[in-house]
Amino acid sequence: MKKSIRLLACLLCVAILFGACNSQNTPVSGTTGQQTGEKTVTIALTSVWDSFMPANTTNSYSYAILDMLFERLTTMNQDGTVSPRLADSWEISEESDSITYHLNQNATWHDGTPLTAEDVVYTCQLMSDADLNLARRTRMMYFAGTDDTGKELSDNSIEVEALDDYTVRFQLKEPMDTLTIFAIVNPDTFILPKHLLEDIPEEELVSDEFWLHPIGAGPMIFDSMISGERVELTSNEDFYLGAPDFDRLIFRVVPAANLLVGLQSGEIDMAGGLDTTFPIQDWEAIKALDNVNAQSQPSLGYQYMAMNTQKEYLTQEVRQAFSMAINRQVIVDQLLLGEGQPIIGPLHEPHQYFNEELSDIPYDPDAAAQILQEAGWDPDRELLMVVSTGIRERVAALIQQDLAKIGVKTRIQTLDFSTLMTEMRAGNYDIGFMGSAGSPDPAESVTQFTVGAINNFTQLTDTTIGDLGHEAARQTTFEARKEMVDEYQATLVEQCPAAFLYSANDLFACNKRITNVPFGTTIFNTNKCVWQWKVAD
């Protein structure tokens, strides 16, 4: 992307800089609080967003807000179907090596400027920019003109082309199952306003004040923010899919322990999905609230215990023994109170790619102990277990007890999540705990078991698992891909670089004054469809 001279209007600069100078207790702009006569909806977040630059965040709390402010070409539903957003329709080439999207011609940016195919091209060029190294650059890796990390091969070399004002074509590197594009790439690719960003010098783009008062094309318009506490948005009356049936949307950071009281009092209207983690001991009380609709839905998420495959004493046989020693049902019953299921891999029921031929991993501590004895396990060796705060701490404590029963000593070290990822990526652990929200696309988990990938937490050097997963993604029919994905799952169980533990249900709670909310049919964290909601006064 070419470096250029900044030409933002002075008035916009002044407004943004004024907001940036405000204190922690003062909104960036606008006013906080519900205004008289306004219809307001309040959504709880149990942690803080990190950035409103969509291409440079992996924070799910940021995503919840970005979904309101910006638009994507398509969105993915929980059942694997695709819904239009900016793209009204699309065609996949006969060879499955390109996708052509036709944009909704009524979409505009919040400043009234039409959103066109040039904005889509600009976004992809920015995301693949070799000098920016944005967090979501890897999403561009499937398109011609980029390398295996999504980086452009030369200036603006990514092959995304505007055929006219409202038609854009993406050229893939090779024929592949385009489900990967719809399930993984599109949900993470929020389209950005070229006319407002292209003149910002490249070296200033990530830290520019624009992200403190972002202008998007979504159903809600940024109004104000108190850092670490709340974000307030107002309804976009000109939203191309229809104006929301309320005036103001507030995201509030609320401690998990306060969710029950907030829902009961009506101070919180909505919580759940990836935005909030309910204390499981409060769930029965939340379900009993007269003013709340509470739902529990099976999810595609998964939690696993990674084992450092580069530790010579953690052989494949030892790793299998550890997996057999874990009482997964106790974890689900005691820590999730039944709101989940034990799993054997990243794909599980109801996932369409679940390998139903695989047997459940038996809970058999006697057999596990025998395997360890035959492997010459040293009972005096102490393993380092690293874990982040929250429910995973309690999971680790239960597994520590399970491993003790088969003669394995462990020491638990609790870290903040960022430090945990750093230590696991560096291999400074024996056992570590990770998880994912999953995806309808089976390729979602593959990079976690791919040699050289940043999230290869198990430190695999055997390329078999990753190669199977990547080769499966190159298949262009469901049947061909399913066969290879089945083999991928079976190999994961056999090599056992990780012991997969459980999938927790998605728990949702919503005040009864809000109806027509698509819980259970969408991946709610990034597809709330607020323009469909009906909100009573």
Protein backbone atom coordinates (compact mmCIF):
# COMPACT_ATOMS: atom_id res chain seq x y z
CA MET A 1 0.00 0.00 0.00
CA LYS A 2 1.46 3.34 -1.00
CA LYS A 3 2.49 5.78 1.66
CA SER A 4 0.68 9.06 1.23
CA ILE A 5 0.14 12.46 2.78
CA ARG A 6 -2.61 12.83 5.29
CA LEU A 7 -5.51 14.95 4.11
CA LEU A 8 -8.17 14.45 6.76
CA ALA A 9 -10.45 17.42 7.19
CA CYS A 10 -9.46 19.79 9.97
CA LEU A 11 -12.84 19.64 11.59
CA LEU A 12 -12.65 15.85 11.93
CA CYS A 13 -9.11 16.10 13.31
CA VAL A 14 -10.17 18.60 15.95
CA ALA A 15 -13.12 16.49 17.05
CA ILE A 16 -11.05 13.34 17.29
CA LEU A 17 -8.12 14.95 19.08
CA PHE A 18 -10.48 16.52 21.58
CA GLY A 19 -11.86 13.06 22.34
CA ALA A 20 -8.39 11.58 22.65
CA CYS A 21 -7.48 14.11 25.33
CA ASN A 22 -10.44 13.27 27.53
CA SER A 23 -9.81 11.52 30.84
CA GLN A 24 -10.71 7.93 31.70
CA ASN A 25 -13.95 9.14 33.24
CA THR A 26 -15.12 11.26 30.33
CA PRO A 27 -16.68 10.02 27.11
CA VAL A 28 -14.63 10.36 23.93
CA SER A 29 -17.56 12.19 22.37
CA GLY A 30 -21.29 12.57 22.71
CA THR A 31 -23.02 11.85 26.01
CA THR A 32 -23.32 8.80 28.22
CA GLY A 33 -26.45 7.43 29.78
CA GLN A 34 -29.92 6.86 28.50
CA GLN A 35 -31.49 10.01 27.18
CA THR A 36 -35.08 10.86 28.01
CA GLY A 37 -37.54 9.10 25.74
CA GLU A 38 -34.90 6.92 24.08
CA LYS A 39 -35.26 3.19 23.61
CA THR A 40 -31.99 1.78 24.96
CA VAL A 41 -30.56 -1.74 24.98
CA THR A 42 -27.66 -2.61 27.29
CA ILE A 43 -25.38 -5.57 26.57
CA ALA A 44 -22.94 -6.84 29.19
CA LEU A 45 -19.31 -7.66 28.44
CA THR A 46 -17.30 -9.46 31.10
CA SER A 47 -13.98 -8.16 29.81
CA VAL A 48 -12.63 -5.11 28.00
CA TRP A 49 -12.23 -4.56 24.26
CA ASP A 50 -8.72 -3.76 23.04
CA SER A 51 -8.99 -2.01 19.67
CA PHE A 52 -11.55 -0.76 17.18
CA MET A 53 -9.19 -1.37 14.26
CA PRO A 54 -10.83 -4.55 12.95
CA ALA A 55 -7.80 -5.95 11.14
CA ASN A 56 -5.60 -5.64 14.21
CA THR A 57 -7.56 -7.35 16.97
CA THR A 58 -8.28 -10.93 17.98
CA ASN A 59 -10.27 -9.84 21.03
CA SER A 60 -13.81 -11.30 21.06
CA TYR A 61 -15.10 -8.35 23.11
CA SER A 62 -13.86 -5.97 20.42
CA TYR A 63 -15.59 -8.15 17.82
CA ALA A 64 -18.92 -7.80 19.59
CA ILE A 65 -18.73 -4.04 19.13
CA LEU A 66 -17.15 -4.11 15.67
CA ASP A 67 -20.07 -6.21 14.43
CA MET A 68 -22.27 -3.19 15.12
CA LEU A 69 -20.00 -0.59 13.54
CA PHE A 70 -18.59 -2.26 10.43
CA GLU A 71 -19.83 -4.60 7.72
CA ARG A 72 -18.58 -7.81 6.14
CA LEU A 73 -19.34 -9.42 2.81
CA THR A 74 -21.14 -12.38 4.37
CA THR A 75 -21.70 -13.94 7.77
CA MET A 76 -21.73 -17.57 8.87
CA ASN A 77 -24.53 -19.21 10.81
CA GLN A 78 -24.13 -21.85 13.50
CA ASP A 79 -25.53 -24.54 11.19
CA GLY A 80 -22.94 -23.87 8.48
CA THR A 81 -25.18 -21.84 6.18
CA VAL A 82 -24.07 -18.46 4.84
CA SER A 83 -26.08 -15.24 5.11
CA PRO A 84 -25.62 -12.10 2.98
CA ARG A 85 -24.40 -8.87 4.51
CA LEU A 86 -22.75 -6.43 2.12
CA ALA A 87 -22.88 -9.02 -0.63
CA ASP A 88 -26.43 -9.62 -1.86
CA SER A 89 -25.24 -12.57 -3.92
CA TRP A 90 -22.09 -14.30 -5.12
CA GLU A 91 -20.85 -16.84 -7.62
CA ILE A 92 -18.11 -19.43 -7.20
CA SER A 93 -16.24 -20.29 -10.39
CA GLU A 94 -16.72 -23.75 -11.87
CA GLU A 95 -13.12 -24.57 -10.92
CA SER A 96 -13.67 -23.32 -7.31
CA ASP A 97 -10.73 -20.96 -7.69
CA SER A 98 -12.49 -17.58 -7.51
CA ILE A 99 -15.48 -15.90 -5.86
CA THR A 100 -17.33 -12.92 -7.31
CA TYR A 101 -19.50 -10.85 -4.94
CA HIS A 102 -22.29 -8.44 -5.88
CA LEU A 103 -22.61 -5.69 -3.28
CA ASN A 104 -25.79 -4.13 -1.97
CA GLN A 105 -25.97 -0.79 -3.75
CA ASN A 106 -27.77 0.92 -0.85
CA ALA A 107 -24.92 0.52 1.64
CA THR A 108 -23.32 3.79 2.79
CA TRP A 109 -20.72 4.81 5.31
CA HIS A 110 -21.92 6.63 8.41
CA ASP A 111 -20.84 9.92 6.80
CA GLY A 112 -23.18 9.25 3.88
CA THR A 113 -20.52 8.22 1.33
CA PRO A 114 -21.51 5.16 -0.77
CA LEU A 115 -19.68 1.93 0.07
CA THR A 116 -18.24 0.43 -3.13
CA ALA A 117 -16.05 -2.38 -4.40
CA GLU A 118 -13.05 -0.05 -4.09
CA ASP A 119 -13.49 -0.14 -0.31
CA VAL A 120 -13.34 -3.95 -0.41
CA VAL A 121 -10.17 -3.90 -2.52
CA TYR A 122 -8.58 -1.29 -0.24
CA THR A 123 -9.37 -3.38 2.87
CA CYS A 124 -7.71 -6.48 1.46
CA GLN A 125 -4.68 -4.50 0.31
CA LEU A 126 -4.36 -3.02 3.79
CA MET A 127 -4.75 -6.37 5.54
CA SER A 128 -2.07 -7.98 3.34
CA ASP A 129 0.31 -5.01 3.53
CA ALA A 130 3.85 -6.31 4.09
CA ASP A 131 4.81 -3.41 6.37
CA LEU A 132 1.79 -3.37 8.67
CA ASN A 133 1.86 -7.00 9.93
CA LEU A 134 -1.71 -6.77 11.22
CA ALA A 135 -3.10 -9.42 13.54
CA ARG A 136 -5.62 -10.64 10.95
CA ARG A 137 -3.25 -10.65 7.98
CA THR A 138 -3.30 -14.46 7.86
CA ARG A 139 -6.90 -14.29 6.66
CA MET A 140 -5.55 -13.14 3.30
CA MET A 141 -3.35 -16.23 2.85
CA TYR A 142 -5.86 -17.98 0.57
CA PHE A 143 -5.80 -15.31 -2.13
CA ALA A 144 -3.46 -15.14 -5.11
CA GLY A 145 -0.69 -12.58 -4.73
CA THR A 146 0.06 -13.38 -1.06
CA ASP A 147 2.40 -15.77 0.72
CA ASP A 148 1.47 -18.41 3.30
CA THR A 149 1.14 -15.74 6.01
CA GLY A 150 -1.20 -13.55 3.96
CA LYS A 151 1.55 -11.01 3.16
CA GLU A 152 1.52 -9.39 -0.26
CA LEU A 153 4.25 -10.61 -2.63
CA SER A 154 4.69 -7.09 -4.00
CA ASP A 155 2.98 -3.73 -3.55
CA ASN A 156 -0.80 -4.34 -3.65
CA SER A 157 -0.27 -7.73 -5.30
CA ILE A 158 -3.27 -9.43 -3.66
CA GLU A 159 -5.63 -10.42 -6.49
CA VAL A 160 -8.84 -8.76 -5.36
CA GLU A 161 -10.33 -6.79 -8.23
CA ALA A 162 -13.20 -4.32 -8.51
CA LEU A 163 -15.01 -5.28 -11.73
CA ASP A 164 -17.32 -2.28 -11.36
CA ASP A 165 -18.58 -0.09 -8.51
CA TYR A 166 -20.52 -2.94 -6.90
CA THR A 167 -18.83 -6.13 -8.11
CA VAL A 168 -15.59 -7.53 -6.72
CA ARG A 169 -13.74 -10.73 -7.55
CA PHE A 170 -11.37 -12.65 -5.27
CA GLN A 171 -8.90 -14.95 -7.02
CA LEU A 172 -7.87 -17.94 -4.91
CA LYS A 173 -4.38 -19.41 -5.07
CA GLU A 174 -5.79 -22.79 -6.06
CA PRO A 175 -9.10 -24.63 -6.19
CA MET A 176 -10.41 -25.24 -2.69
CA ASP A 177 -13.51 -25.70 -0.57
CA THR A 178 -14.78 -22.13 -0.35
CA LEU A 179 -16.46 -22.87 2.98
CA THR A 180 -13.12 -21.81 4.48
CA ILE A 181 -13.55 -18.35 2.95
CA PHE A 182 -17.13 -17.98 4.16
CA ALA A 183 -16.54 -19.42 7.64
CA ILE A 184 -13.10 -18.09 8.53
CA VAL A 185 -12.05 -15.25 6.20
CA ASN A 186 -15.24 -13.23 5.70
CA PRO A 187 -16.31 -13.07 9.38
CA ASP A 188 -12.91 -11.54 10.23
CA THR A 189 -12.71 -9.15 7.27
CA PHE A 190 -14.56 -5.97 8.20
CA ILE A 191 -14.66 -3.59 5.24
CA LEU A 192 -12.93 -0.25 5.88
CA PRO A 193 -13.59 3.24 4.42
CA LYS A 194 -10.95 3.95 1.80
CA HIS A 195 -11.90 7.62 1.51
CA LEU A 196 -11.20 8.23 5.21
CA LEU A 197 -8.08 6.11 5.65
CA GLU A 198 -6.08 6.09 2.41
CA ASP A 199 -4.35 9.41 3.10
CA ILE A 200 -3.15 8.50 6.60
CA PRO A 201 0.60 7.76 6.52
CA GLU A 202 1.14 4.03 6.76
CA GLU A 203 3.39 4.30 9.82
CA GLU A 204 0.63 6.17 11.68
CA LEU A 205 -2.36 4.09 10.59
CA VAL A 206 -2.57 1.59 13.46
CA SER A 207 -2.35 4.28 16.15
CA ASP A 208 -4.41 6.94 14.37
CA GLU A 209 -7.15 8.77 16.27
CA PHE A 210 -9.68 7.50 13.74
CA TRP A 211 -9.97 4.28 15.77
CA LEU A 212 -11.07 6.26 18.83
CA HIS A 213 -14.15 7.42 16.92
CA PRO A 214 -14.50 4.94 14.06
CA ILE A 215 -16.79 5.55 11.11
CA GLY A 216 -18.21 2.36 9.64
CA ALA A 217 -21.20 1.22 7.64
CA GLY A 218 -22.91 -1.02 10.20
CA PRO A 219 -26.32 -0.83 11.88
CA MET A 220 -25.00 1.28 14.77
CA ILE A 221 -23.00 4.54 14.83
CA PHE A 222 -20.23 5.25 17.34
CA ASP A 223 -21.28 7.86 19.89
CA SER A 224 -19.05 7.77 22.96
CA MET A 225 -16.69 5.67 25.04
CA ILE A 226 -15.40 5.55 28.59
CA SER A 227 -12.24 3.50 28.32
CA GLY A 228 -12.49 0.14 30.05
CA GLU A 229 -16.07 0.80 31.16
CA ARG A 230 -18.61 1.36 28.38
CA VAL A 231 -19.22 2.11 24.71
CA GLU A 232 -22.37 3.84 23.49
CA LEU A 233 -23.73 3.57 19.95
CA THR A 234 -26.75 5.12 18.27
CA SER A 235 -28.96 3.52 15.64
CA ASN A 236 -28.13 4.02 11.97
CA GLU A 237 -31.40 5.20 10.49
CA ASP A 238 -29.98 4.74 6.98
CA PHE A 239 -28.71 1.18 7.45
CA TYR A 240 -29.18 -0.64 4.16
CA LEU A 241 -30.83 -3.70 5.76
CA GLY A 242 -33.24 -1.62 7.83
CA ALA A 243 -33.03 0.74 10.80
CA PRO A 244 -32.85 -0.92 14.26
CA ASP A 245 -36.02 -0.73 16.36
CA PHE A 246 -34.30 1.18 19.18
CA ASP A 247 -32.29 4.35 19.63
CA ARG A 248 -29.19 3.54 21.65
CA LEU A 249 -27.03 0.48 22.32
CA ILE A 250 -24.72 0.41 25.32
CA PHE A 251 -21.94 -2.12 25.89
CA ARG A 252 -21.07 -2.20 29.59
CA VAL A 253 -18.20 -4.04 31.22
CA VAL A 254 -19.79 -5.97 34.07
CA PRO A 255 -18.07 -8.38 36.48
CA ALA A 256 -19.42 -11.88 35.92
CA ALA A 257 -20.54 -12.04 39.54
CA ASN A 258 -22.89 -9.08 38.93
CA LEU A 259 -24.69 -10.47 35.87
CA LEU A 260 -27.51 -12.11 37.80
CA VAL A 261 -28.35 -8.95 39.75
CA GLY A 262 -28.06 -6.79 36.62
CA LEU A 263 -30.41 -9.02 34.62
CA GLN A 264 -32.87 -9.19 37.50
CA SER A 265 -32.98 -5.40 37.94
CA GLY A 266 -33.17 -4.72 34.21
CA GLU A 267 -29.93 -2.71 34.21
CA ILE A 268 -28.60 -5.33 31.81
CA ASP A 269 -30.79 -6.39 28.90
CA MET A 270 -28.61 -9.03 27.30
CA ALA A 271 -25.63 -11.24 28.02
CA GLY A 272 -24.19 -14.43 26.65
CA GLY A 273 -22.22 -16.17 23.95
CA LEU A 274 -18.57 -15.17 23.72
CA ASP A 275 -19.35 -11.70 25.12
CA THR A 276 -19.98 -12.89 28.66
CA THR A 277 -19.09 -15.87 30.83
CA PHE A 278 -21.83 -16.62 33.32
CA PRO A 279 -20.83 -18.04 36.70
CA ILE A 280 -22.31 -21.49 36.22
CA GLN A 281 -23.64 -21.51 39.80
CA ASP A 282 -25.89 -18.56 38.83
CA TRP A 283 -27.37 -20.16 35.73
CA GLU A 284 -30.35 -21.84 37.43
CA ALA A 285 -31.27 -18.55 39.11
CA ILE A 286 -30.96 -16.69 35.80
CA LYS A 287 -33.26 -19.21 34.12
CA ALA A 288 -35.82 -18.63 36.89
CA LEU A 289 -36.00 -14.84 36.41
CA ASP A 290 -39.50 -13.73 35.35
CA ASN A 291 -38.20 -10.91 33.15
CA VAL A 292 -35.56 -12.93 31.27
CA ASN A 293 -35.50 -15.49 28.49
CA ALA A 294 -32.56 -17.81 29.12
CA GLN A 295 -31.31 -20.33 26.58
CA SER A 296 -28.60 -22.97 26.48
CA GLN A 297 -27.36 -24.06 23.05
CA PRO A 298 -24.72 -26.66 22.10
CA SER A 299 -21.71 -24.87 20.67
CA LEU A 300 -18.90 -25.64 18.25
CA GLY A 301 -16.33 -24.56 20.84
CA TYR A 302 -13.78 -26.86 22.39
CA GLN A 303 -11.29 -26.92 25.26
CA TYR A 304 -8.13 -28.97 25.30
CA MET A 305 -5.08 -29.86 27.36
CA ALA A 306 -1.99 -29.30 25.20
CA MET A 307 1.07 -31.46 25.85
CA ASN A 308 4.53 -30.32 24.83
CA THR A 309 5.54 -32.90 22.26
CA GLN A 310 9.17 -31.73 22.37
CA LYS A 311 9.62 -32.98 25.92
CA GLU A 312 11.31 -36.36 25.47
CA TYR A 313 9.42 -37.86 28.41
CA LEU A 314 6.02 -36.88 26.94
CA THR A 315 5.97 -39.62 24.31
CA GLN A 316 2.91 -40.52 22.29
CA GLU A 317 2.17 -43.45 24.65
CA VAL A 318 2.49 -41.22 27.72
CA ARG A 319 0.24 -38.58 26.17
CA GLN A 320 -2.38 -41.23 25.41
CA ALA A 321 -2.17 -42.47 29.00
CA PHE A 322 -2.74 -38.92 30.31
CA SER A 323 -5.80 -38.60 28.07
CA MET A 324 -7.23 -41.90 29.36
CA ALA A 325 -6.71 -40.76 32.96
CA ILE A 326 -8.97 -37.70 32.61
CA ASN A 327 -12.55 -38.03 33.83
CA ARG A 328 -14.19 -35.71 31.31
CA GLN A 329 -17.72 -36.42 32.54
CA VAL A 330 -16.83 -35.18 36.02
CA ILE A 331 -15.58 -31.91 34.50
CA VAL A 332 -18.87 -31.47 32.63
CA ASP A 333 -21.01 -32.45 35.63
CA GLN A 334 -19.15 -30.57 38.37
CA LEU A 335 -17.82 -27.47 36.61
CA LEU A 336 -20.40 -27.00 33.86
CA LEU A 337 -23.33 -28.45 35.82
CA GLY A 338 -24.18 -30.49 32.75
CA GLU A 339 -24.16 -27.51 30.36
CA GLY A 340 -21.78 -29.12 27.88
CA GLN A 341 -20.42 -32.42 26.65
CA PRO A 342 -17.18 -34.44 26.78
CA ILE A 343 -15.31 -34.46 23.46
CA ILE A 344 -12.50 -36.37 21.76
CA GLY A 345 -11.43 -33.73 19.23
CA PRO A 346 -12.01 -30.21 17.91
CA LEU A 347 -14.95 -31.40 15.79
CA HIS A 348 -17.82 -32.90 17.71
CA GLU A 349 -21.56 -33.28 17.49
CA PRO A 350 -23.39 -31.40 16.01
CA HIS A 351 -20.53 -30.44 13.62
CA GLN A 352 -21.22 -31.61 10.06
CA TYR A 353 -17.61 -32.85 9.75
CA PHE A 354 -17.60 -34.88 12.99
CA ASN A 355 -16.10 -38.36 12.48
CA GLU A 356 -18.79 -40.62 13.93
CA GLU A 357 -16.57 -43.68 13.48
CA LEU A 358 -14.26 -42.58 16.28
CA SER A 359 -14.79 -44.20 19.68
CA ASP A 360 -15.00 -42.17 22.86
CA ILE A 361 -11.76 -42.02 24.83
CA PRO A 362 -12.36 -44.30 27.84
CA TYR A 363 -11.82 -43.09 31.38
CA ASP A 364 -9.52 -45.89 32.50
CA PRO A 365 -6.93 -44.88 35.14
CA ASP A 366 -5.83 -48.48 35.66
CA ALA A 367 -4.98 -48.94 31.99
CA ALA A 368 -3.33 -45.50 31.95
CA ALA A 369 -1.14 -46.39 34.93
CA GLN A 370 -0.12 -49.63 33.22
CA ILE A 371 0.89 -47.76 30.07
CA LEU A 372 3.03 -45.38 32.13
CA GLN A 373 4.73 -48.26 33.92
CA GLU A 374 5.56 -49.94 30.62
CA ALA A 375 6.87 -46.63 29.28
CA GLY A 376 9.26 -46.34 32.26
CA TRP A 377 7.65 -43.23 33.71
CA ASP A 378 9.66 -41.61 36.52
CA PRO A 379 7.21 -41.06 39.42
CA ASP A 380 9.53 -38.40 40.91
CA ARG A 381 9.28 -36.17 37.84
CA GLU A 382 7.10 -33.08 38.36
CA LEU A 383 5.34 -31.54 35.36
CA LEU A 384 4.58 -27.84 34.96
CA MET A 385 0.92 -27.15 34.16
CA VAL A 386 0.22 -23.61 32.94
CA VAL A 387 -3.30 -22.18 32.86
CA SER A 388 -5.10 -18.85 32.65
CA THR A 389 -7.52 -17.56 35.26
CA GLY A 390 -11.16 -18.62 35.23
CA ILE A 391 -12.85 -21.97 34.82
CA ARG A 392 -9.71 -23.48 33.28
CA GLU A 393 -8.01 -23.14 36.68
CA ARG A 394 -10.66 -25.43 38.14
CA VAL A 395 -10.36 -27.80 35.18
CA ALA A 396 -6.60 -27.97 35.76
CA ALA A 397 -7.13 -28.75 39.45
CA LEU A 398 -9.43 -31.69 38.62
CA ILE A 399 -6.98 -33.03 36.05
CA GLN A 400 -4.14 -32.63 38.53
CA GLN A 401 -6.06 -35.00 40.81
CA ASP A 402 -6.72 -37.42 37.94
CA LEU A 403 -3.02 -37.54 37.02
CA ALA A 404 -2.01 -38.00 40.65
CA LYS A 405 -4.10 -41.18 40.71
CA ILE A 406 -1.82 -42.69 38.06
CA GLY A 407 1.39 -41.55 39.75
CA VAL A 408 2.05 -38.27 37.91
CA LYS A 409 3.13 -35.22 39.89
CA THR A 410 2.18 -31.77 38.61
CA ARG A 411 2.59 -28.15 39.65
CA ILE A 412 0.00 -25.58 38.49
CA GLN A 413 1.12 -22.09 37.47
CA THR A 414 -1.64 -19.54 36.81
CA LEU A 415 -0.88 -16.81 34.27
CA ASP A 416 -2.78 -14.02 32.58
CA PHE A 417 -3.94 -15.16 29.14
CA SER A 418 -1.43 -13.10 27.15
CA THR A 419 1.50 -14.46 29.18
CA LEU A 420 0.08 -17.97 28.90
CA MET A 421 0.11 -17.79 25.11
CA THR A 422 3.64 -16.39 25.10
CA GLU A 423 4.95 -19.17 27.33
CA MET A 424 3.16 -21.92 25.42
CA ARG A 425 4.34 -20.59 22.06
CA ALA A 426 7.87 -20.62 23.45
CA GLY A 427 7.47 -24.19 24.74
CA ASN A 428 8.07 -23.20 28.38
CA TYR A 429 5.65 -25.74 29.81
CA ASP A 430 4.78 -29.44 29.99
CA ILE A 431 0.98 -29.23 30.04
CA GLY A 432 -1.11 -26.19 29.14
CA PHE A 433 -4.78 -25.38 28.70
CA MET A 434 -6.28 -23.74 25.62
CA GLY A 435 -9.59 -23.50 23.82
CA SER A 436 -11.43 -22.09 20.85
CA ALA A 437 -14.91 -20.99 19.84
CA GLY A 438 -14.70 -23.41 16.90
CA SER A 439 -16.14 -22.86 13.45
CA PRO A 440 -18.46 -24.53 10.93
CA ASP A 441 -15.33 -24.88 8.80
CA PRO A 442 -13.15 -27.83 9.89
CA ALA A 443 -9.96 -25.97 8.94
CA GLU A 444 -10.31 -23.72 12.01
CA SER A 445 -8.29 -26.04 14.27
CA VAL A 446 -5.65 -27.05 11.74
CA THR A 447 -3.19 -24.21 12.36
CA GLN A 448 -2.98 -25.22 16.02
CA PHE A 449 -1.37 -28.47 14.88
CA THR A 450 0.63 -27.15 11.93
CA VAL A 451 4.43 -27.06 12.14
CA GLY A 452 5.64 -23.46 12.07
CA ALA A 453 2.26 -21.90 12.86
CA ILE A 454 2.22 -19.28 15.62
CA ASN A 455 -0.44 -21.19 17.58
CA ASN A 456 1.27 -24.58 17.34
CA PHE A 457 1.09 -24.70 21.14
CA THR A 458 1.93 -28.41 21.31
CA GLN A 459 5.28 -27.75 19.59
CA LEU A 460 4.64 -30.41 16.93
CA THR A 461 7.47 -31.10 14.50
CA ASP A 462 5.68 -33.98 12.75
CA THR A 463 3.86 -32.43 9.77
CA THR A 464 1.34 -35.28 9.36
CA ILE A 465 -1.62 -33.71 11.15
CA GLY A 466 -1.21 -30.25 9.62
CA ASP A 467 -0.64 -31.66 6.14
CA LEU A 468 -3.86 -33.69 6.37
CA GLY A 469 -5.85 -30.66 7.46
CA HIS A 470 -4.48 -28.38 4.76
CA GLU A 471 -4.89 -31.00 2.04
CA ALA A 472 -8.50 -31.50 3.11
CA ALA A 473 -9.15 -27.78 2.60
CA ARG A 474 -8.04 -28.12 -1.03
CA GLN A 475 -10.87 -30.52 -1.82
CA THR A 476 -13.76 -28.95 -3.68
CA THR A 477 -16.60 -31.30 -2.68
CA PHE A 478 -18.02 -32.09 0.73
CA GLU A 479 -17.59 -35.83 0.22
CA ALA A 480 -13.90 -35.60 -0.70
CA ARG A 481 -13.17 -33.20 2.12
CA LYS A 482 -15.14 -35.22 4.69
CA GLU A 483 -13.03 -38.31 3.97
CA MET A 484 -9.80 -36.41 4.60
CA VAL A 485 -11.15 -34.53 7.63
CA ASP A 486 -12.16 -37.88 9.14
CA GLU A 487 -8.56 -39.03 8.73
CA TYR A 488 -7.33 -35.75 10.26
CA GLN A 489 -9.48 -36.36 13.35
CA ALA A 490 -8.37 -39.98 13.68
CA THR A 491 -4.71 -38.96 13.44
CA LEU A 492 -5.21 -36.31 16.14
CA VAL A 493 -6.56 -39.01 18.46
CA GLU A 494 -3.71 -41.39 17.61
CA GLN A 495 -0.82 -38.94 17.95
CA CYS A 496 -2.53 -37.20 20.88
CA PRO A 497 -0.58 -33.93 20.99
CA ALA A 498 -3.53 -32.67 23.02
CA ALA A 499 -6.22 -34.24 25.16
CA PHE A 500 -9.52 -32.70 24.10
CA LEU A 501 -11.75 -32.20 27.12
CA TYR A 502 -15.20 -30.66 26.68
CA SER A 503 -17.42 -28.33 24.72
CA ALA A 504 -19.35 -25.88 26.89
CA ASN A 505 -22.83 -24.84 25.81
CA ASP A 506 -23.42 -21.25 24.76
CA LEU A 507 -25.56 -19.62 27.44
CA PHE A 508 -27.73 -16.63 26.55
CA ALA A 509 -29.95 -14.36 28.62
CA CYS A 510 -32.17 -11.63 27.22
CA ASN A 511 -34.77 -9.34 28.75
CA LYS A 512 -38.24 -10.33 27.54
CA ARG A 513 -38.88 -6.82 26.22
CA ILE A 514 -36.49 -7.69 23.36
CA THR A 515 -37.79 -10.25 20.88
CA ASN A 516 -36.82 -11.68 17.47
CA VAL A 517 -33.22 -12.19 18.60
CA PRO A 518 -31.58 -15.01 16.58
CA PHE A 519 -29.98 -16.98 19.42
CA GLY A 520 -28.96 -20.46 18.38
CA THR A 521 -29.14 -19.83 14.62
CA THR A 522 -26.18 -17.47 14.28
CA ILE A 523 -22.69 -17.33 15.70
CA PHE A 524 -24.04 -14.67 17.99
CA ASN A 525 -20.83 -12.93 18.95
CA THR A 526 -20.29 -11.73 15.39
CA ASN A 527 -23.77 -11.80 13.86
CA LYS A 528 -26.30 -10.26 16.23
CA CYS A 529 -28.62 -8.98 13.46
CA VAL A 530 -29.78 -6.04 15.58
CA TRP A 531 -31.94 -4.65 12.76
CA GLN A 532 -34.22 -7.65 13.23
CA TRP A 533 -34.80 -7.11 16.96
CA LYS A 534 -38.10 -5.82 18.30
CA VAL A 535 -37.73 -3.70 21.43
CA ALA A 536 -40.66 -2.70 23.62
CA ASP A 537 -40.69 0.70 25.30
